[in-house]
Amino acid sequence: MDVFVADPEWGWWIILYFYLGGIAAGAYFTATLVGLIGAPEDQVVSRWGFRLAFPLIILCAIFLTVDLNRPERFWHMLFRSEIAHAALEAGWPFSGRGWQLMVEAPLLKYWSPMSIGSWALTLFGVCSFLSFVGSLWPEGRLASWFTQGALARIIEAVGCVVGFFVASYTGALISATNQPLWSDNNWIAPLFLTSAASTGLAMLLLLCRLNLGDADRAMHRLQSADLWAIALEAAAFVMFVVALLPWLQTVWATTQGKLLLVGVPILSVLLPFGIHLAHRSLGPSSVTAAAVIALVGGFLLRYSILHTAPEILARAPELPAPAVQPEPPPLLTGFSPEDKRPAGGGQGADPGNYVGDVSQVQPRTKLGRE
């Protein structure tokens, strides 16, 4: 294990962000699907899904912002600060020059998971807000704009795409790090995605049981959908464990690893699936029990994955080494498109990205030529 790897120290704010973002995405997708192909009596499920997604994604944005070392600078993930300040000085939003500058302020670093994720979270927030507003007054004009018709379908399609991206990119984000376990498993993102579907349906089951009762046909259809989601999550978890085999002994030697390998499949898959299959004999309250257990399992999944890698780092000397030691990456001359910037001086220069004798690099002229 690489002794130079540092723990990112992701705490409860990030765990809650991962967890609630998955529920929001799963609920929004279910609401959209029910609105498209569901029977008229199922539309109440669609409305509850939209009412659930927006508040949860707002909480996610708050948690992500609070976790920053400088929370007041959260907007720097979306905009170029120097251009935004220039636009404000030019009188934005009350001047044409201000608008000309502000149009150039949005910043998207396509090579940065954090930048892409920030924009996806923002776009999902906009879509879920519009659907949320339309769901509050089912018979009003806002509903005709945002939950019915062509405009609503466009909003929902975009919302589903970016919503599930938010749910799965968190897994891709941690896979892109150099942390043990995370960087060697490509199934974390699919696992988070299927867990988002399962936990979103579980939360909708709880809400609809309170408002519809147990005999409603929409409840039975939600249960059937949840069974499929749990089955997909089970398949993703199996593939995750298969990819984990070189690390299995190391992970099992940690407390968090035992929670991941034993607690997660029991709470996320086995118990909810079994209860759903036997709910007729177990009684109406079994639906609530299955949903609550699935939600606990979804939380435990994210908690245990995020905490297993730091525990491995902290206890590295006493833990067994992975069965297959990963080879060190080749020496690279850079790490992003910004590496093409000059190393010897000028705007954007970064000598740390240059491998060699920096003193031999000729600085650029004011015209940017050698």
Protein backbone atom coordinates (compact mmCIF):
# COMPACT_ATOMS: atom_id res chain seq x y z
CA MET A 1 0.00 0.00 0.00
CA ASP A 2 1.21 3.47 -0.88
CA VAL A 3 2.40 5.14 2.32
CA PHE A 4 2.18 8.55 0.63
CA VAL A 5 -1.61 8.35 0.22
CA ALA A 6 -3.48 10.77 2.52
CA ASP A 7 -6.92 10.28 3.99
CA PRO A 8 -9.34 12.79 2.36
CA GLU A 9 -11.14 13.04 5.73
CA TRP A 10 -14.66 12.90 4.32
CA GLY A 11 -17.02 13.00 7.26
CA TRP A 12 -20.74 12.99 7.91
CA TRP A 13 -21.55 15.87 5.56
CA ILE A 14 -20.22 13.96 2.56
CA ILE A 15 -21.81 10.68 3.65
CA LEU A 16 -25.21 12.40 3.95
CA TYR A 17 -24.65 14.11 0.60
CA PHE A 18 -23.97 10.78 -1.11
CA TYR A 19 -26.92 9.15 0.63
CA LEU A 20 -29.63 11.79 0.20
CA GLY A 21 -28.52 12.53 -3.35
CA GLY A 22 -29.14 8.90 -4.23
CA ILE A 23 -32.60 8.92 -2.66
CA ALA A 24 -33.49 12.15 -4.49
CA ALA A 25 -32.38 10.73 -7.85
CA GLY A 26 -34.24 7.46 -7.31
CA ALA A 27 -37.43 9.24 -6.26
CA TYR A 28 -37.28 11.66 -9.22
CA PHE A 29 -36.76 8.86 -11.73
CA THR A 30 -39.65 6.87 -10.25
CA ALA A 31 -41.90 9.93 -10.33
CA THR A 32 -41.03 10.57 -13.97
CA LEU A 33 -41.61 6.94 -14.96
CA VAL A 34 -44.95 6.78 -13.17
CA GLY A 35 -46.02 10.06 -14.78
CA LEU A 36 -45.23 8.67 -18.23
CA ILE A 37 -46.66 5.15 -18.10
CA GLY A 38 -48.60 4.95 -14.85
CA ALA A 39 -52.38 4.71 -14.55
CA PRO A 40 -54.34 7.81 -13.50
CA GLU A 41 -54.61 6.53 -9.94
CA ASP A 42 -50.81 6.23 -9.81
CA GLN A 43 -50.19 9.93 -10.37
CA VAL A 44 -50.22 10.59 -6.65
CA VAL A 45 -47.01 8.53 -6.50
CA SER A 46 -45.48 10.77 -9.15
CA ARG A 47 -46.39 13.89 -7.18
CA TRP A 48 -44.86 12.54 -3.98
CA GLY A 49 -41.68 11.65 -5.84
CA PHE A 50 -41.26 15.21 -7.10
CA ARG A 51 -42.10 16.62 -3.67
CA LEU A 52 -39.40 14.45 -2.14
CA ALA A 53 -36.57 15.02 -4.64
CA PHE A 54 -36.24 18.80 -4.45
CA PRO A 55 -35.93 19.23 -0.64
CA LEU A 56 -33.39 16.40 -0.51
CA ILE A 57 -31.21 17.87 -3.26
CA ILE A 58 -31.27 21.24 -1.48
CA LEU A 59 -29.98 19.49 1.63
CA CYS A 60 -27.25 17.89 -0.49
CA ALA A 61 -26.14 21.29 -1.76
CA ILE A 62 -26.04 22.61 1.82
CA PHE A 63 -24.02 19.62 3.07
CA LEU A 64 -21.55 19.89 0.20
CA THR A 65 -21.09 23.61 0.81
CA VAL A 66 -20.66 23.27 4.57
CA ASP A 67 -17.99 20.62 4.04
CA LEU A 68 -15.78 23.07 2.14
CA ASN A 69 -12.91 24.68 4.03
CA ARG A 70 -14.22 28.04 2.79
CA PRO A 71 -18.02 27.58 2.44
CA GLU A 72 -18.54 31.18 1.31
CA ARG A 73 -16.55 30.41 -1.84
CA PHE A 74 -18.74 27.54 -3.02
CA TRP A 75 -19.69 29.46 -6.15
CA HIS A 76 -16.08 29.26 -7.35
CA MET A 77 -16.85 25.68 -8.43
CA LEU A 78 -19.30 27.08 -11.00
CA PHE A 79 -17.94 30.48 -12.06
CA ARG A 80 -14.64 32.19 -12.81
CA SER A 81 -14.32 34.50 -9.86
CA GLU A 82 -12.29 37.20 -11.61
CA ILE A 83 -14.82 37.49 -14.46
CA ALA A 84 -17.77 37.44 -12.05
CA HIS A 85 -16.23 40.25 -10.02
CA ALA A 86 -15.58 42.22 -13.20
CA ALA A 87 -19.21 41.77 -14.25
CA LEU A 88 -20.39 43.04 -10.87
CA GLU A 89 -18.11 46.06 -11.14
CA ALA A 90 -19.55 46.70 -14.62
CA GLY A 91 -23.03 46.93 -13.13
CA TRP A 92 -24.43 43.42 -13.61
CA PRO A 93 -27.37 42.71 -13.75
CA PHE A 94 -28.35 46.29 -14.67
CA SER A 95 -25.94 46.88 -17.54
CA GLY A 96 -25.31 45.34 -20.92
CA ARG A 97 -21.55 45.23 -20.34
CA GLY A 98 -22.15 43.37 -17.07
CA TRP A 99 -24.19 40.74 -18.90
CA GLN A 100 -21.54 40.40 -21.61
CA LEU A 101 -18.98 39.60 -18.95
CA MET A 102 -21.23 37.36 -16.87
CA VAL A 103 -22.00 35.15 -19.88
CA GLU A 104 -18.30 34.23 -19.92
CA ALA A 105 -18.18 33.56 -16.17
CA PRO A 106 -19.52 29.96 -16.00
CA LEU A 107 -16.68 27.50 -15.53
CA LEU A 108 -16.86 23.82 -16.52
CA LYS A 109 -13.70 21.76 -16.16
CA TYR A 110 -14.61 18.70 -18.19
CA TRP A 111 -11.62 16.80 -16.77
CA SER A 112 -12.66 17.45 -13.15
CA PRO A 113 -15.26 15.17 -11.51
CA MET A 114 -15.86 17.87 -8.89
CA SER A 115 -16.63 20.51 -11.51
CA ILE A 116 -18.90 18.23 -13.55
CA GLY A 117 -20.63 17.06 -10.38
CA SER A 118 -21.24 20.62 -9.20
CA TRP A 119 -22.94 21.53 -12.47
CA ALA A 120 -24.96 18.30 -12.49
CA LEU A 121 -26.12 19.02 -8.96
CA THR A 122 -27.13 22.54 -9.96
CA LEU A 123 -29.00 21.38 -13.05
CA PHE A 124 -30.76 18.63 -11.12
CA GLY A 125 -31.76 21.21 -8.53
CA VAL A 126 -33.35 23.40 -11.23
CA CYS A 127 -35.26 20.49 -12.81
CA SER A 128 -36.44 19.09 -9.49
CA PHE A 129 -37.55 22.58 -8.37
CA LEU A 130 -39.74 23.04 -11.46
CA SER A 131 -41.26 19.57 -11.04
CA PHE A 132 -41.72 20.24 -7.32
CA VAL A 133 -43.64 23.45 -8.02
CA GLY A 134 -45.86 21.69 -10.54
CA SER A 135 -46.64 18.88 -8.09
CA LEU A 136 -47.89 21.23 -5.37
CA TRP A 137 -50.96 22.31 -7.35
CA PRO A 138 -51.97 19.29 -9.50
CA GLU A 139 -54.88 21.09 -11.14
CA GLY A 140 -53.30 24.50 -11.62
CA ARG A 141 -51.52 26.23 -14.46
CA LEU A 142 -48.09 25.46 -13.02
CA ALA A 143 -48.89 21.76 -13.17
CA SER A 144 -49.79 22.08 -16.84
CA TRP A 145 -46.40 23.67 -17.47
CA PHE A 146 -44.09 21.61 -15.27
CA THR A 147 -45.74 18.18 -14.83
CA GLN A 148 -47.75 17.83 -18.05
CA GLY A 149 -47.09 18.41 -21.73
CA ALA A 150 -43.92 18.67 -23.81
CA LEU A 151 -42.07 21.16 -21.58
CA ALA A 152 -42.61 18.97 -18.53
CA ARG A 153 -41.31 15.90 -20.38
CA ILE A 154 -38.15 17.75 -21.39
CA ILE A 155 -37.59 18.93 -17.82
CA GLU A 156 -38.14 15.42 -16.48
CA ALA A 157 -35.88 13.79 -19.07
CA VAL A 158 -33.04 16.17 -18.26
CA GLY A 159 -33.72 15.79 -14.54
CA CYS A 160 -33.54 11.99 -14.74
CA VAL A 161 -30.26 12.03 -16.65
CA VAL A 162 -28.49 14.47 -14.33
CA GLY A 163 -30.19 12.97 -11.27
CA PHE A 164 -28.84 9.51 -11.88
CA PHE A 165 -25.51 11.07 -12.82
CA VAL A 166 -25.45 12.71 -9.37
CA ALA A 167 -26.28 9.35 -7.79
CA SER A 168 -23.55 7.43 -9.63
CA TYR A 169 -20.81 10.02 -10.13
CA THR A 170 -20.10 10.01 -6.39
CA GLY A 171 -18.94 6.43 -6.86
CA ALA A 172 -16.90 7.45 -9.90
CA LEU A 173 -15.47 10.35 -7.89
CA ILE A 174 -14.02 8.14 -5.17
CA SER A 175 -12.84 5.60 -7.77
CA ALA A 176 -10.81 8.41 -9.37
CA THR A 177 -8.81 8.92 -6.17
CA ASN A 178 -5.64 7.07 -5.16
CA GLN A 179 -7.20 5.61 -2.02
CA PRO A 180 -6.80 1.87 -1.36
CA LEU A 181 -9.89 -0.15 -2.30
CA TRP A 182 -11.59 2.82 -4.02
CA SER A 183 -9.13 3.17 -6.88
CA ASP A 184 -9.09 -0.58 -7.61
CA ASN A 185 -12.82 -1.16 -7.99
CA ASN A 186 -14.85 0.09 -10.97
CA TRP A 187 -18.16 -1.19 -9.59
CA ILE A 188 -18.68 1.46 -6.91
CA ALA A 189 -20.52 3.80 -9.29
CA PRO A 190 -22.95 1.10 -10.58
CA LEU A 191 -23.50 -0.03 -7.00
CA PHE A 192 -24.34 3.52 -5.90
CA LEU A 193 -26.67 3.88 -8.89
CA THR A 194 -28.68 0.73 -8.15
CA SER A 195 -28.74 1.64 -4.45
CA ALA A 196 -30.17 5.04 -5.40
CA ALA A 197 -33.05 3.33 -7.22
CA SER A 198 -33.69 1.02 -4.27
CA THR A 199 -33.56 3.68 -1.56
CA GLY A 200 -35.63 6.14 -3.63
CA LEU A 201 -38.37 3.51 -4.02
CA ALA A 202 -38.13 2.63 -0.33
CA MET A 203 -38.69 6.25 0.69
CA LEU A 204 -41.64 6.53 -1.70
CA LEU A 205 -43.11 3.35 -0.21
CA LEU A 206 -43.01 4.93 3.24
CA LEU A 207 -44.61 8.18 2.07
CA CYS A 208 -47.30 6.49 -0.02
CA ARG A 209 -48.21 4.04 2.72
CA LEU A 210 -48.93 6.98 4.99
CA ASN A 211 -51.11 8.64 2.35
CA LEU A 212 -52.60 5.80 0.31
CA GLY A 213 -52.90 2.84 2.66
CA ASP A 214 -51.95 -0.75 2.01
CA ALA A 215 -54.77 -1.78 -0.31
CA ASP A 216 -54.06 0.79 -3.02
CA ARG A 217 -52.91 -0.75 -6.31
CA ALA A 218 -50.17 1.86 -6.64
CA MET A 219 -48.58 0.42 -3.49
CA HIS A 220 -48.45 -3.04 -5.03
CA ARG A 221 -46.81 -1.69 -8.16
CA LEU A 222 -44.26 0.18 -6.08
CA GLN A 223 -43.43 -3.02 -4.22
CA SER A 224 -42.90 -4.87 -7.50
CA ALA A 225 -40.63 -2.11 -8.76
CA ASP A 226 -38.68 -2.21 -5.50
CA LEU A 227 -38.11 -5.95 -5.91
CA TRP A 228 -36.53 -5.32 -9.32
CA ALA A 229 -34.39 -2.51 -7.93
CA ILE A 230 -33.16 -4.70 -5.06
CA ALA A 231 -32.33 -7.49 -7.54
CA LEU A 232 -30.26 -5.06 -9.62
CA GLU A 233 -28.50 -3.85 -6.49
CA ALA A 234 -27.73 -7.45 -5.54
CA ALA A 235 -26.17 -8.07 -8.96
CA ALA A 236 -24.07 -4.89 -8.70
CA PHE A 237 -22.93 -5.87 -5.19
CA VAL A 238 -21.83 -9.30 -6.39
CA MET A 239 -19.75 -7.72 -9.16
CA PHE A 240 -18.35 -5.24 -6.62
CA VAL A 241 -17.21 -8.12 -4.38
CA VAL A 242 -15.72 -10.01 -7.35
CA ALA A 243 -13.66 -6.94 -8.24
CA LEU A 244 -12.71 -6.71 -4.56
CA LEU A 245 -11.19 -10.21 -4.39
CA PRO A 246 -7.52 -9.07 -4.33
CA TRP A 247 -8.39 -6.80 -1.40
CA LEU A 248 -10.82 -9.15 0.31
CA GLN A 249 -8.53 -10.31 3.11
CA THR A 250 -7.35 -6.77 3.79
CA VAL A 251 -10.89 -5.38 3.85
CA TRP A 252 -12.19 -8.20 6.03
CA ALA A 253 -9.50 -7.44 8.63
CA THR A 254 -11.09 -4.00 9.26
CA THR A 255 -14.23 -3.21 11.23
CA GLN A 256 -15.68 -1.10 8.43
CA GLY A 257 -14.90 -3.86 5.95
CA LYS A 258 -16.95 -6.38 7.94
CA LEU A 259 -19.88 -3.95 7.90
CA LEU A 260 -19.46 -3.61 4.15
CA LEU A 261 -19.23 -7.31 3.37
CA VAL A 262 -21.85 -8.58 5.84
CA GLY A 263 -24.08 -5.76 7.03
CA VAL A 264 -24.71 -4.18 3.62
CA PRO A 265 -25.95 -7.29 1.76
CA ILE A 266 -28.15 -8.32 4.69
CA LEU A 267 -29.78 -4.91 5.17
CA SER A 268 -29.81 -3.69 1.56
CA VAL A 269 -30.71 -6.92 -0.24
CA LEU A 270 -31.58 -10.06 1.72
CA LEU A 271 -33.97 -8.76 4.37
CA PRO A 272 -35.94 -6.28 2.18
CA PHE A 273 -36.21 -8.81 -0.66
CA GLY A 274 -37.39 -11.58 1.65
CA ILE A 275 -39.90 -9.35 3.42
CA HIS A 276 -41.39 -8.16 0.14
CA LEU A 277 -41.82 -11.74 -1.03
CA ALA A 278 -43.52 -12.77 2.22
CA HIS A 279 -45.47 -9.56 2.93
CA ARG A 280 -48.86 -11.22 2.49
CA SER A 281 -48.20 -13.56 5.39
CA LEU A 282 -46.26 -11.03 7.46
CA GLY A 283 -48.97 -8.36 7.37
CA PRO A 284 -49.25 -4.74 6.17
CA SER A 285 -46.57 -3.42 8.50
CA SER A 286 -43.99 -5.57 6.74
CA VAL A 287 -43.91 -3.07 3.84
CA THR A 288 -42.82 -0.35 6.23
CA ALA A 289 -40.25 -2.65 7.81
CA ALA A 290 -38.76 -3.58 4.43
CA ALA A 291 -38.53 0.08 3.39
CA VAL A 292 -36.88 1.17 6.64
CA ILE A 293 -34.36 -1.69 6.50
CA ALA A 294 -33.50 -0.87 2.88
CA LEU A 295 -32.92 2.78 3.79
CA VAL A 296 -30.63 1.78 6.66
CA GLY A 297 -28.78 -0.55 4.31
CA GLY A 298 -28.32 2.20 1.74
CA PHE A 299 -26.84 4.46 4.38
CA LEU A 300 -24.56 1.69 5.66
CA LEU A 301 -23.32 1.06 2.12
CA ARG A 302 -22.03 4.60 1.73
CA TYR A 303 -20.78 4.85 5.30
CA SER A 304 -18.79 1.62 5.15
CA ILE A 305 -17.28 2.27 1.71
CA LEU A 306 -16.19 5.79 2.68
CA HIS A 307 -14.69 4.62 5.98
CA THR A 308 -13.03 1.36 4.93
CA ALA A 309 -10.26 3.02 2.92
CA PRO A 310 -9.24 5.42 5.75
CA GLU A 311 -9.19 2.52 8.21
CA ILE A 312 -6.93 0.55 5.85
CA LEU A 313 -4.57 3.53 5.67
CA ALA A 314 -4.56 4.01 9.45
CA ARG A 315 -3.90 0.34 10.18
CA ALA A 316 -1.73 -0.47 7.15
CA PRO A 317 1.25 -1.96 9.08
CA GLU A 318 -0.89 -4.52 10.90
CA LEU A 319 -3.16 -5.51 7.98
CA PRO A 320 -2.42 -8.22 5.40
CA ALA A 321 -1.30 -6.84 2.06
CA PRO A 322 -3.63 -7.15 -0.95
CA ALA A 323 -3.35 -10.45 -2.81
CA VAL A 324 -2.25 -8.60 -5.95
CA GLN A 325 -0.17 -5.52 -5.36
CA PRO A 326 -1.10 -2.79 -7.86
CA GLU A 327 1.78 -1.66 -10.06
CA PRO A 328 2.91 1.94 -9.62
CA PRO A 329 1.61 4.24 -12.34
CA PRO A 330 4.09 5.40 -15.02
CA LEU A 331 5.78 8.74 -14.51
CA LEU A 332 3.69 11.37 -16.22
CA THR A 333 4.62 14.89 -17.18
CA GLY A 334 1.31 16.29 -16.03
CA PHE A 335 -2.15 15.56 -14.80
CA SER A 336 -4.65 17.77 -16.67
CA PRO A 337 -5.15 19.91 -19.77
CA GLU A 338 -3.64 22.75 -17.77
CA ASP A 339 -0.25 21.03 -18.10
CA LYS A 340 0.15 22.61 -21.53
CA ARG A 341 0.65 25.94 -19.85
CA PRO A 342 4.21 27.34 -19.82
CA ALA A 343 6.47 26.26 -16.99
CA GLY A 344 8.90 29.16 -17.19
CA GLY A 345 6.61 32.07 -16.49
CA GLY A 346 3.57 33.90 -17.72
CA GLN A 347 -0.10 33.66 -16.86
CA GLY A 348 -1.08 30.20 -15.67
CA ALA A 349 2.53 28.99 -15.39
CA ASP A 350 3.03 26.11 -13.00
CA PRO A 351 6.65 24.95 -12.64
CA GLY A 352 5.44 22.00 -10.58
CA ASN A 353 3.91 20.47 -13.70
CA TYR A 354 7.20 20.47 -15.59
CA VAL A 355 9.55 17.51 -15.33
CA GLY A 356 13.08 18.73 -15.95
CA ASP A 357 15.17 21.80 -15.37
CA VAL A 358 12.72 24.65 -15.12
CA SER A 359 15.52 27.21 -15.39
CA GLN A 360 16.16 26.14 -18.98
CA VAL A 361 12.63 26.94 -20.12
CA GLN A 362 12.40 30.21 -21.99
CA PRO A 363 9.58 32.51 -20.76
CA ARG A 364 6.95 33.61 -23.20
CA THR A 365 6.69 37.12 -24.53
CA LYS A 366 3.68 39.32 -23.93
CA LEU A 367 2.22 38.04 -27.18
CA GLY A 368 2.38 34.46 -25.88
CA ARG A 369 5.06 33.40 -28.36
CA GLU A 370 8.38 31.81 -27.67
